[in-house]
Amino acid sequence: MTQTLARYERYLSDLRGLPPAGPSWLQQTRSGAVERFSELGFPTARRGNEKWKYTNVGPIANTPFVYPFEASANGLAPADIQRVVPWDDAWTNLVFLDGRYSELLSSPRSADGIAVMSLGEAIASGDPDVERHLAKYADFDDDGFTALNTAFVADGAFIRVPDGASVDTPIHLVFLSTDRGEPTASHPRVLVVAGAGSKSTIIESYVGLQSNRYFTNAVAETVLLEGSQIDHYRLLLESDDAYHVGTARVRQCADSTFTSRTFEKSVGLGRYDLSVLMDGPNASCNLSGLYMTSGTQHVDNFITVDHAKPYSTSRLLYKGILAGKSRAVFGGTVWVRKGAIKTDSMQSDKNLVLSPDAEVDSKPALFIYADDVKCGHGATAGNIDKNSVFYLLSRGIDLETASRMLIYGFASEIIDLVRVDSLRDQLERLFLESLPSFKFEF
C-alpha cells in the first residue's frame, strides 16, 4: 500500500488542491472515488488480470502527469481545431481544453427543452438529472481509471434530450489536449440522458494538436430511456506519444436503439472499454469500429454487451489495419442472462495485418445462460488474397495503387456505416490520407 500511494501521490496531491465541488452528494461521490483510487491504483499487475492481459499500463502509472487546474486557449482559434478534427459549422460544437469547457471555441445551439452544456454549469444549476444519473453507470469500485476520473469530476459535457424530441443537428464534443511543456493529465466526463422516444446524434472527438506526451482519462455515461435512439460516433485522433484510456457505460431501457461507430487512427497507447447493458425487452445495439495502427502504436478495444432482458438484438463488428511494429487487442464479450430468451447476437473482429512485426490479440467470447437464443462470434487475421491483387494488376493498375485500393476497400465497410454525410466524407479523406505506403507481395 505504501508503494502504491507513493506512485500516485502526484494525483492525490492534485486532488487535494481542487476546490470543494458543489452539492454534498457530489462531494461524497468524489470522496468515495478518491478513497477507492488510493486502494486500487492502476491495473499494472497483468498476471491473473484477464481484462488487462495484453495491455501494459505501466508507462501511464510511472509517468508523473501534472493536472492543469485552469483551461487555457493559449492563442488557439477554431481554425486550428478544424484542421485536425472533422468539423461542420452546422453542427452544435462544444470544445473542451484539457477536460474543461471553452466558451470561446464552442458554438452551442439551444432548442426547446434540449440541454447541451458544460457539466460544470449543469452541476451548478442543480439539474436533477445530473444527480440522478452521474456516476450511476460507470462503477469505480473495481476500476482505478474510472475512480480517478470520478475523483476529478468538475467539468465535462452534459446532454439531455427531452421525451419525444428529435435533434436533427449532430452534437459534437471535442476534447482537445494542449501542450503545456510537461506531461499533463485530463479527465473528461460526459453524461447523456436520452428521453423516451427521442432521437439524437452525438460525436465525441479526442484530439491532440502537438506531438507532446499527455494522458487522457475519459469516462462517458449514457442512458437511453424507453424507445429512444442514439447514433454515436467516437473519434480517437490523439498525439502519437499520447496515452488514452476511455471508459463508456451505456444503459438501454425497453425498445431503445444504440448505434455506435468508433474510429481510432492515432495514439501511442489507447484503450476503449465500452459496456452496453440492455436492461429492457426489445432493446437493440449495433457496435462497429475501425482501428488503424502503425509504428509502435498499441490499441486495445474491450467491448461488452450484456443482454439482461429478453427479445434483444446486438451486432458487433470491428476491423483493424496493422502496420509496422504495432499491436492491437480486441476483447468482445457477450452475456446472455438467465431469462433473456430470444436474444439475437453476432460479433466479429477482422484484422488486416500488413507487417510481419505487427501483432493482434483477438478474444471474442459468449456466456449464455438462457435457452432459445441465436448467438455467434468469430475473429480473423491475415493478408489480402493474392487473387484480388492479380485481378487489379490485370486491369493495368500498378501494385502500390492496387494495394491501397484493397486496404481502403477493407476499411470502407465501417466508414460507409456513418449516417452523417459531412462526417463520412471527412473520415473517408482522413483515412485515405493515413493509409500506409505498402505493396502486397505478389
Protein backbone atom coordinates (compact mmCIF):
# COMPACT_ATOMS: atom_id res chain seq x y z
CA MET A 1 0.00 0.00 0.00
CA THR A 2 2.83 2.42 0.84
CA GLN A 3 4.45 1.89 -2.56
CA THR A 4 1.08 2.35 -4.27
CA LEU A 5 0.42 5.64 -2.50
CA ALA A 6 3.90 6.90 -3.34
CA ARG A 7 3.42 6.11 -7.02
CA TYR A 8 0.12 8.01 -7.15
CA GLU A 9 0.98 10.87 -4.80
CA ARG A 10 1.01 13.28 -7.75
CA TYR A 11 -2.69 12.58 -8.41
CA LEU A 12 -3.62 12.66 -4.74
CA SER A 13 -1.79 15.95 -4.29
CA ASP A 14 -3.67 17.49 -7.22
CA LEU A 15 -6.96 16.20 -5.83
CA ARG A 16 -6.26 17.91 -2.53
CA GLY A 17 -5.74 21.13 -4.46
CA LEU A 18 -9.20 21.03 -6.05
CA PRO A 19 -11.84 23.34 -4.55
CA PRO A 20 -14.91 21.70 -2.94
CA ALA A 21 -17.23 20.59 -5.72
CA GLY A 22 -20.79 21.84 -5.46
CA PRO A 23 -23.53 19.87 -3.69
CA SER A 24 -22.95 17.41 -0.88
CA TRP A 25 -23.91 14.37 -2.99
CA LEU A 26 -21.11 15.16 -5.45
CA GLN A 27 -18.60 15.76 -2.68
CA GLN A 28 -19.48 12.35 -1.22
CA THR A 29 -19.14 10.70 -4.63
CA ARG A 30 -15.76 12.28 -5.25
CA SER A 31 -14.56 11.44 -1.76
CA GLY A 32 -15.50 7.79 -2.24
CA ALA A 33 -13.73 7.73 -5.60
CA VAL A 34 -10.55 9.20 -4.10
CA GLU A 35 -10.53 6.54 -1.43
CA ARG A 36 -11.11 3.76 -3.93
CA PHE A 37 -8.36 5.01 -6.27
CA SER A 38 -5.96 5.09 -3.32
CA GLU A 39 -6.73 1.39 -2.80
CA LEU A 40 -6.80 0.28 -6.44
CA GLY A 41 -4.30 2.43 -8.31
CA PHE A 42 -3.85 1.36 -11.94
CA PRO A 43 -4.00 -2.29 -13.15
CA THR A 44 -0.25 -2.69 -13.64
CA ALA A 45 -0.24 -6.32 -12.45
CA ARG A 46 -1.32 -8.18 -15.58
CA ARG A 47 -0.75 -11.66 -14.24
CA GLY A 48 -4.17 -13.04 -13.32
CA ASN A 49 -5.85 -9.87 -14.63
CA GLU A 50 -7.65 -11.05 -17.75
CA LYS A 51 -9.06 -7.61 -18.61
CA TRP A 52 -5.56 -6.18 -18.98
CA LYS A 53 -3.70 -9.29 -20.07
CA TYR A 54 -2.42 -7.83 -23.35
CA THR A 55 -2.06 -4.16 -22.41
CA ASN A 56 0.69 -2.79 -20.18
CA VAL A 57 -0.33 0.46 -18.46
CA GLY A 58 2.97 0.68 -16.57
CA PRO A 59 4.08 3.69 -18.67
CA ILE A 60 0.97 5.58 -17.53
CA ALA A 61 1.45 4.63 -13.88
CA ASN A 62 5.14 5.56 -13.93
CA THR A 63 4.80 8.98 -15.57
CA PRO A 64 4.27 11.97 -13.21
CA PHE A 65 1.47 13.76 -15.05
CA VAL A 66 0.53 17.28 -14.00
CA TYR A 67 -3.13 18.27 -13.71
CA PRO A 68 -3.92 21.62 -15.42
CA PHE A 69 -6.23 23.39 -12.98
CA GLU A 70 -7.24 26.10 -15.46
CA ALA A 71 -8.20 25.87 -19.12
CA SER A 72 -6.09 27.99 -21.43
CA ALA A 73 -6.81 28.65 -25.10
CA ASN A 74 -3.20 29.83 -25.46
CA GLY A 75 -3.93 31.62 -28.74
CA LEU A 76 -5.93 28.75 -30.25
CA ALA A 77 -8.51 29.64 -32.87
CA PRO A 78 -11.35 27.48 -34.24
CA ALA A 79 -9.34 27.07 -37.46
CA ASP A 80 -6.57 25.32 -35.51
CA ILE A 81 -9.05 22.69 -34.35
CA GLN A 82 -10.82 22.32 -37.66
CA ARG A 83 -7.62 21.28 -39.43
CA VAL A 84 -7.16 18.20 -37.22
CA VAL A 85 -10.71 17.04 -36.48
CA PRO A 86 -13.83 16.55 -38.63
CA TRP A 87 -15.89 19.71 -38.28
CA ASP A 88 -19.07 21.24 -39.63
CA ASP A 89 -20.26 24.73 -38.72
CA ALA A 90 -23.83 23.46 -38.93
CA TRP A 91 -23.23 21.08 -36.00
CA THR A 92 -23.57 22.01 -32.35
CA ASN A 93 -19.88 22.09 -31.39
CA LEU A 94 -18.67 22.11 -27.78
CA VAL A 95 -14.91 22.32 -27.27
CA PHE A 96 -13.10 21.29 -24.10
CA LEU A 97 -9.47 22.15 -23.42
CA ASP A 98 -7.75 19.62 -21.14
CA GLY A 99 -11.19 18.48 -19.98
CA ARG A 100 -12.63 21.96 -19.32
CA TYR A 101 -15.26 23.77 -21.35
CA SER A 102 -14.10 26.60 -23.62
CA GLU A 103 -16.89 29.04 -24.37
CA LEU A 104 -14.58 30.95 -26.73
CA LEU A 105 -14.06 28.00 -29.06
CA SER A 106 -17.55 26.49 -28.86
CA SER A 107 -20.68 27.13 -30.89
CA PRO A 108 -23.59 25.88 -28.76
CA ARG A 109 -27.13 25.99 -30.08
CA SER A 110 -30.26 25.79 -27.99
CA ALA A 111 -33.67 24.31 -28.69
CA ASP A 112 -36.74 23.92 -26.57
CA GLY A 113 -36.06 21.53 -23.71
CA ILE A 114 -32.75 20.26 -25.12
CA ALA A 115 -29.76 20.77 -22.86
CA VAL A 116 -26.28 20.83 -24.38
CA MET A 117 -23.92 22.44 -21.92
CA SER A 118 -20.86 22.05 -19.77
CA LEU A 119 -21.25 19.56 -16.94
CA GLY A 120 -19.91 22.17 -14.53
CA GLU A 121 -22.77 24.50 -15.45
CA ALA A 122 -25.33 21.70 -15.06
CA ILE A 123 -23.96 20.82 -11.60
CA ALA A 124 -24.01 24.47 -10.51
CA SER A 125 -27.61 24.86 -11.67
CA GLY A 126 -28.73 21.89 -9.55
CA ASP A 127 -30.08 19.97 -12.53
CA PRO A 128 -31.84 16.91 -11.05
CA ASP A 129 -30.84 14.65 -13.94
CA VAL A 130 -27.17 15.14 -13.08
CA GLU A 131 -27.67 13.92 -9.51
CA ARG A 132 -29.95 11.14 -10.76
CA HIS A 133 -27.50 9.72 -13.33
CA LEU A 134 -23.93 10.93 -12.77
CA ALA A 135 -21.62 8.10 -11.56
CA LYS A 136 -24.54 5.65 -11.52
CA TYR A 137 -23.41 3.54 -14.50
CA ALA A 138 -19.62 3.88 -14.57
CA ASP A 139 -18.82 1.92 -11.42
CA PHE A 140 -15.47 2.81 -9.86
CA ASP A 141 -15.40 0.05 -7.25
CA ASP A 142 -13.14 -2.18 -9.36
CA ASP A 143 -11.64 0.25 -11.89
CA GLY A 144 -8.84 2.60 -10.92
CA PHE A 145 -9.14 4.71 -14.08
CA THR A 146 -12.86 5.32 -13.53
CA ALA A 147 -12.23 6.03 -9.84
CA LEU A 148 -9.60 8.64 -10.75
CA ASN A 149 -11.86 10.29 -13.31
CA THR A 150 -14.75 10.42 -10.83
CA ALA A 151 -12.49 11.89 -8.17
CA PHE A 152 -11.63 14.74 -10.56
CA VAL A 153 -15.22 15.39 -11.73
CA ALA A 154 -15.63 19.13 -12.10
CA ASP A 155 -16.48 19.75 -15.75
CA GLY A 156 -17.27 17.96 -18.98
CA ALA A 157 -20.30 17.66 -21.23
CA PHE A 158 -23.95 17.25 -20.27
CA ILE A 159 -26.59 16.40 -22.88
CA ARG A 160 -30.28 15.87 -22.16
CA VAL A 161 -32.82 15.25 -24.91
CA PRO A 162 -36.41 15.51 -23.64
CA ASP A 163 -39.09 12.92 -24.27
CA GLY A 164 -40.20 12.73 -27.88
CA ALA A 165 -37.67 15.28 -29.15
CA SER A 166 -35.71 14.75 -32.35
CA VAL A 167 -32.36 16.53 -32.64
CA ASP A 168 -31.63 16.92 -36.33
CA THR A 169 -28.23 18.58 -35.91
CA PRO A 170 -25.34 16.40 -34.67
CA ILE A 171 -23.93 17.36 -31.26
CA HIS A 172 -20.12 17.36 -31.47
CA LEU A 173 -17.98 17.18 -28.32
CA VAL A 174 -14.31 17.98 -28.97
CA PHE A 175 -11.85 17.12 -26.19
CA LEU A 176 -8.57 18.76 -27.04
CA SER A 177 -5.31 18.21 -25.18
CA THR A 178 -2.93 21.17 -25.30
CA ASP A 179 0.85 21.40 -24.98
CA ARG A 180 1.83 22.78 -21.57
CA GLY A 181 5.52 21.98 -21.83
CA GLU A 182 5.30 18.96 -19.49
CA PRO A 183 3.24 15.74 -19.36
CA THR A 184 -0.33 16.55 -18.34
CA ALA A 185 -3.41 14.51 -17.46
CA SER A 186 -7.04 15.39 -18.15
CA HIS A 187 -10.19 13.59 -17.04
CA PRO A 188 -13.07 14.40 -19.43
CA ARG A 189 -16.56 13.41 -18.33
CA VAL A 190 -19.68 13.00 -20.48
CA LEU A 191 -23.25 12.43 -19.30
CA VAL A 192 -26.04 11.82 -21.83
CA VAL A 193 -29.71 11.33 -20.94
CA ALA A 194 -31.97 10.45 -23.88
CA GLY A 195 -35.65 10.89 -23.04
CA ALA A 196 -38.32 8.38 -24.02
CA GLY A 197 -38.94 8.32 -27.75
CA SER A 198 -36.18 10.82 -28.52
CA LYS A 199 -33.66 10.76 -31.38
CA SER A 200 -30.18 12.28 -31.42
CA THR A 201 -26.73 12.06 -32.98
CA ILE A 202 -23.63 12.56 -30.83
CA ILE A 203 -19.98 12.75 -31.91
CA GLU A 204 -17.09 12.52 -29.45
CA SER A 205 -13.65 13.55 -30.73
CA TYR A 206 -10.43 13.21 -28.71
CA VAL A 207 -7.66 15.23 -30.30
CA GLY A 208 -4.10 16.39 -29.76
CA LEU A 209 -2.66 19.32 -31.70
CA GLN A 210 1.02 18.81 -30.89
CA SER A 211 3.14 15.67 -30.64
CA ASN A 212 3.54 16.01 -26.89
CA ARG A 213 3.07 13.39 -24.19
CA TYR A 214 -0.16 13.55 -22.21
CA PHE A 215 -2.76 11.27 -20.66
CA THR A 216 -6.49 11.46 -21.40
CA ASN A 217 -8.64 9.51 -18.94
CA ALA A 218 -12.19 9.82 -20.26
CA VAL A 219 -15.47 8.47 -18.87
CA ALA A 220 -18.85 8.67 -20.63
CA GLU A 221 -22.22 7.57 -19.24
CA THR A 222 -25.27 7.26 -21.49
CA VAL A 223 -28.80 6.26 -20.55
CA LEU A 224 -31.46 5.62 -23.18
CA LEU A 225 -35.00 5.69 -21.84
CA GLU A 226 -37.88 3.76 -23.43
CA GLY A 227 -37.96 3.91 -27.22
CA SER A 228 -35.10 6.39 -27.57
CA GLN A 229 -32.47 6.28 -30.31
CA ILE A 230 -28.87 7.48 -30.32
CA ASP A 231 -26.39 7.40 -33.19
CA HIS A 232 -22.98 7.73 -31.55
CA TYR A 233 -19.57 8.31 -33.15
CA ARG A 234 -16.25 8.27 -31.30
CA LEU A 235 -13.03 9.50 -32.93
CA LEU A 236 -9.57 8.89 -31.46
CA LEU A 237 -7.12 11.32 -33.09
CA GLU A 238 -4.59 11.81 -30.32
CA SER A 239 -0.86 12.53 -30.48
CA ASP A 240 1.32 9.55 -31.35
CA ASP A 241 3.01 9.99 -27.94
CA ALA A 242 -0.26 10.21 -26.01
CA TYR A 243 -1.92 7.77 -23.63
CA HIS A 244 -5.68 7.41 -23.79
CA VAL A 245 -7.99 5.33 -21.61
CA GLY A 246 -11.67 5.69 -22.46
CA THR A 247 -14.48 4.12 -20.46
CA ALA A 248 -18.07 4.20 -21.71
CA ARG A 249 -21.12 2.78 -19.96
CA VAL A 250 -24.48 2.58 -21.74
CA ARG A 251 -27.80 1.57 -20.19
CA GLN A 252 -30.67 0.80 -22.54
CA CYS A 253 -34.31 0.65 -21.49
CA ALA A 254 -37.07 -1.14 -23.40
CA ASP A 255 -37.35 -0.62 -27.16
CA SER A 256 -34.30 1.66 -27.29
CA THR A 257 -31.67 1.62 -30.05
CA PHE A 258 -28.00 2.46 -29.60
CA THR A 259 -25.73 2.64 -32.64
CA SER A 260 -22.01 3.21 -32.11
CA ARG A 261 -19.22 3.77 -34.66
CA THR A 262 -15.67 4.04 -33.34
CA PHE A 263 -12.70 5.28 -35.37
CA GLU A 264 -9.18 5.06 -33.95
CA LYS A 265 -6.36 6.42 -36.08
CA SER A 266 -3.60 7.79 -33.87
CA VAL A 267 -2.46 7.33 -30.27
CA GLY A 268 0.63 5.93 -28.59
CA LEU A 269 -1.27 3.65 -26.22
CA GLY A 270 -5.06 3.60 -26.38
CA ARG A 271 -7.75 1.63 -24.63
CA TYR A 272 -11.52 1.83 -25.15
CA ASP A 273 -13.71 -0.02 -22.65
CA LEU A 274 -17.31 0.05 -23.87
CA SER A 275 -20.04 -1.80 -21.97
CA VAL A 276 -23.68 -1.82 -23.07
CA LEU A 277 -26.35 -3.07 -20.66
CA MET A 278 -29.56 -3.99 -22.48
CA ASP A 279 -31.86 -3.58 -19.50
CA GLY A 280 -35.22 -3.69 -21.25
CA PRO A 281 -37.01 -6.02 -23.68
CA ASN A 282 -36.73 -5.36 -27.41
CA ALA A 283 -33.62 -3.21 -27.00
CA SER A 284 -31.06 -3.28 -29.80
CA CYS A 285 -27.48 -2.12 -30.27
CA ASN A 286 -25.17 -2.08 -33.25
CA LEU A 287 -21.49 -1.52 -32.45
CA SER A 288 -18.75 -1.21 -35.03
CA GLY A 289 -15.23 0.12 -35.11
CA LEU A 290 -12.22 0.73 -37.32
CA TYR A 291 -8.71 0.98 -35.88
CA MET A 292 -5.55 1.71 -37.83
CA THR A 293 -2.17 1.25 -36.15
CA SER A 294 1.39 1.82 -37.30
CA GLY A 295 4.86 2.30 -35.84
CA THR A 296 4.79 1.11 -32.23
CA GLN A 297 1.19 2.09 -31.50
CA HIS A 298 -0.90 -0.07 -29.18
CA VAL A 299 -4.72 -0.01 -29.37
CA ASP A 300 -7.00 -2.09 -27.14
CA ASN A 301 -10.77 -2.38 -27.62
CA PHE A 302 -12.58 -4.10 -24.76
CA ILE A 303 -16.28 -4.38 -25.64
CA THR A 304 -19.03 -5.93 -23.52
CA VAL A 305 -22.69 -6.42 -24.42
CA ASP A 306 -24.98 -7.60 -21.62
CA HIS A 307 -28.37 -8.98 -22.68
CA ALA A 308 -30.19 -8.73 -19.36
CA LYS A 309 -33.74 -8.83 -20.77
CA PRO A 310 -35.46 -10.92 -23.47
CA TYR A 311 -36.02 -10.13 -27.15
CA SER A 312 -32.89 -8.01 -27.50
CA THR A 313 -30.55 -7.80 -30.51
CA SER A 314 -26.88 -6.91 -30.78
CA ARG A 315 -24.40 -6.70 -33.64
CA LEU A 316 -20.67 -6.18 -33.10
CA LEU A 317 -18.20 -5.70 -35.97
CA TYR A 318 -14.67 -4.30 -35.52
CA LYS A 319 -11.93 -4.12 -38.13
CA GLY A 320 -8.23 -3.39 -37.77
CA ILE A 321 -5.42 -2.43 -40.14
CA LEU A 322 -1.97 -3.04 -38.61
CA ALA A 323 1.41 -1.94 -39.94
CA GLY A 324 4.94 -1.52 -38.60
CA LYS A 325 5.54 -2.97 -35.14
CA SER A 326 2.11 -2.00 -33.85
CA ARG A 327 -0.19 -4.11 -31.75
CA ALA A 328 -3.97 -4.34 -31.49
CA VAL A 329 -6.09 -6.06 -28.88
CA PHE A 330 -9.75 -6.92 -29.20
CA GLY A 331 -11.87 -8.39 -26.44
CA GLY A 332 -15.54 -8.85 -27.27
CA THR A 333 -17.76 -10.41 -24.63
CA VAL A 334 -21.49 -11.06 -24.93
CA TRP A 335 -23.53 -12.08 -21.89
CA VAL A 336 -26.98 -13.61 -22.20
CA ARG A 337 -28.54 -13.59 -18.75
CA LYS A 338 -30.99 -16.10 -17.36
CA GLY A 339 -34.45 -15.42 -18.77
CA ALA A 340 -33.16 -13.36 -21.72
CA ILE A 341 -34.90 -15.58 -24.26
CA LYS A 342 -34.98 -14.77 -27.98
CA THR A 343 -31.65 -12.96 -27.76
CA ASP A 344 -30.07 -12.47 -31.18
CA SER A 345 -26.36 -11.60 -31.07
CA MET A 346 -23.46 -11.76 -33.52
CA GLN A 347 -19.92 -10.43 -33.11
CA SER A 348 -16.88 -10.38 -35.39
CA ASP A 349 -13.35 -8.97 -35.36
CA LYS A 350 -11.40 -8.86 -38.64
CA ASN A 351 -7.80 -7.74 -38.98
CA LEU A 352 -5.62 -6.91 -41.96
CA VAL A 353 -2.00 -7.43 -40.89
CA LEU A 354 0.43 -5.65 -43.22
CA SER A 355 3.70 -6.36 -41.42
CA PRO A 356 5.33 -9.50 -40.01
CA ASP A 357 6.23 -7.43 -36.94
CA ALA A 358 2.64 -6.37 -36.21
CA GLU A 359 0.57 -8.37 -33.72
CA VAL A 360 -3.12 -8.72 -32.99
CA ASP A 361 -4.69 -10.49 -30.00
CA SER A 362 -8.38 -11.17 -30.53
CA LYS A 363 -10.59 -12.85 -27.98
CA PRO A 364 -14.34 -12.98 -28.68
CA ALA A 365 -16.41 -14.74 -26.02
CA LEU A 366 -20.00 -15.79 -25.34
CA PHE A 367 -21.58 -16.56 -21.97
CA ILE A 368 -25.10 -17.91 -22.42
CA TYR A 369 -27.45 -18.67 -19.51
CA ALA A 370 -30.76 -18.77 -21.39
CA ASP A 371 -32.47 -21.08 -23.86
CA ASP A 372 -33.92 -20.22 -27.25
CA VAL A 373 -31.23 -17.76 -28.34
CA LYS A 374 -29.23 -17.19 -31.53
CA CYS A 375 -25.59 -16.19 -30.93
CA GLY A 376 -22.31 -16.43 -32.79
CA HIS A 377 -18.83 -14.96 -32.89
CA GLY A 378 -15.64 -15.07 -34.93
CA ALA A 379 -12.22 -13.49 -35.43
CA THR A 380 -9.79 -13.43 -38.36
CA ALA A 381 -6.34 -12.01 -39.04
CA GLY A 382 -4.33 -12.16 -42.24
CA ASN A 383 -3.39 -10.53 -45.53
CA ILE A 384 -5.25 -9.87 -48.77
CA ASP A 385 -5.87 -12.80 -51.10
CA LYS A 386 -3.36 -12.77 -53.98
CA ASN A 387 -6.14 -13.36 -56.50
CA SER A 388 -7.61 -9.95 -55.63
CA VAL A 389 -4.25 -8.30 -56.23
CA PHE A 390 -3.81 -10.14 -59.54
CA TYR A 391 -7.25 -9.04 -60.72
CA LEU A 392 -6.40 -5.35 -60.26
CA LEU A 393 -2.95 -5.77 -61.84
CA SER A 394 -4.57 -7.41 -64.85
CA ARG A 395 -6.61 -4.22 -65.30
CA GLY A 396 -3.46 -2.13 -65.65
CA ILE A 397 -3.33 -0.82 -62.07
CA ASP A 398 0.15 -0.61 -60.54
CA LEU A 399 0.94 -2.67 -57.46
CA GLU A 400 1.05 0.16 -54.91
CA THR A 401 -2.25 1.68 -56.11
CA ALA A 402 -3.86 -1.75 -56.14
CA SER A 403 -2.64 -2.36 -52.60
CA ARG A 404 -4.08 0.94 -51.36
CA MET A 405 -7.40 0.25 -53.07
CA LEU A 406 -7.70 -3.14 -51.39
CA ILE A 407 -6.74 -1.76 -47.98
CA TYR A 408 -9.29 1.01 -48.26
CA GLY A 409 -11.90 -1.45 -49.52
CA PHE A 410 -11.37 -3.40 -46.30
CA ALA A 411 -11.87 -0.24 -44.21
CA SER A 412 -14.77 1.22 -46.16
CA GLU A 413 -17.26 -1.31 -44.78
CA ILE A 414 -17.11 0.57 -41.47
CA ILE A 415 -16.78 4.10 -42.89
CA ASP A 416 -19.82 3.57 -45.10
CA LEU A 417 -21.94 2.98 -41.99
CA VAL A 418 -21.63 6.65 -40.99
CA ARG A 419 -25.00 8.31 -41.47
CA VAL A 420 -23.82 11.92 -41.20
CA ASP A 421 -22.79 12.84 -44.74
CA SER A 422 -20.24 15.52 -43.89
CA LEU A 423 -18.65 13.33 -41.21
CA ARG A 424 -18.44 10.34 -43.54
CA ASP A 425 -16.76 12.43 -46.26
CA GLN A 426 -14.19 13.80 -43.81
CA LEU A 427 -13.46 10.40 -42.30
CA GLU A 428 -13.02 8.93 -45.75
CA ARG A 429 -10.46 11.60 -46.60
CA LEU A 430 -8.74 11.27 -43.22
CA PHE A 431 -8.26 7.51 -43.51
CA LEU A 432 -7.29 7.63 -47.17
CA GLU A 433 -4.51 10.08 -46.32
CA SER A 434 -3.38 7.81 -43.48
CA LEU A 435 -3.14 4.57 -45.41
CA PRO A 436 0.39 3.18 -45.16
CA SER A 437 2.65 3.05 -48.20
CA PHE A 438 2.51 -0.66 -48.87
CA LYS A 439 2.87 -3.15 -51.67
CA PHE A 440 1.42 -6.62 -51.26
CA GLU A 441 3.91 -9.34 -52.01
CA PHE A 442 2.98 -10.98 -55.23
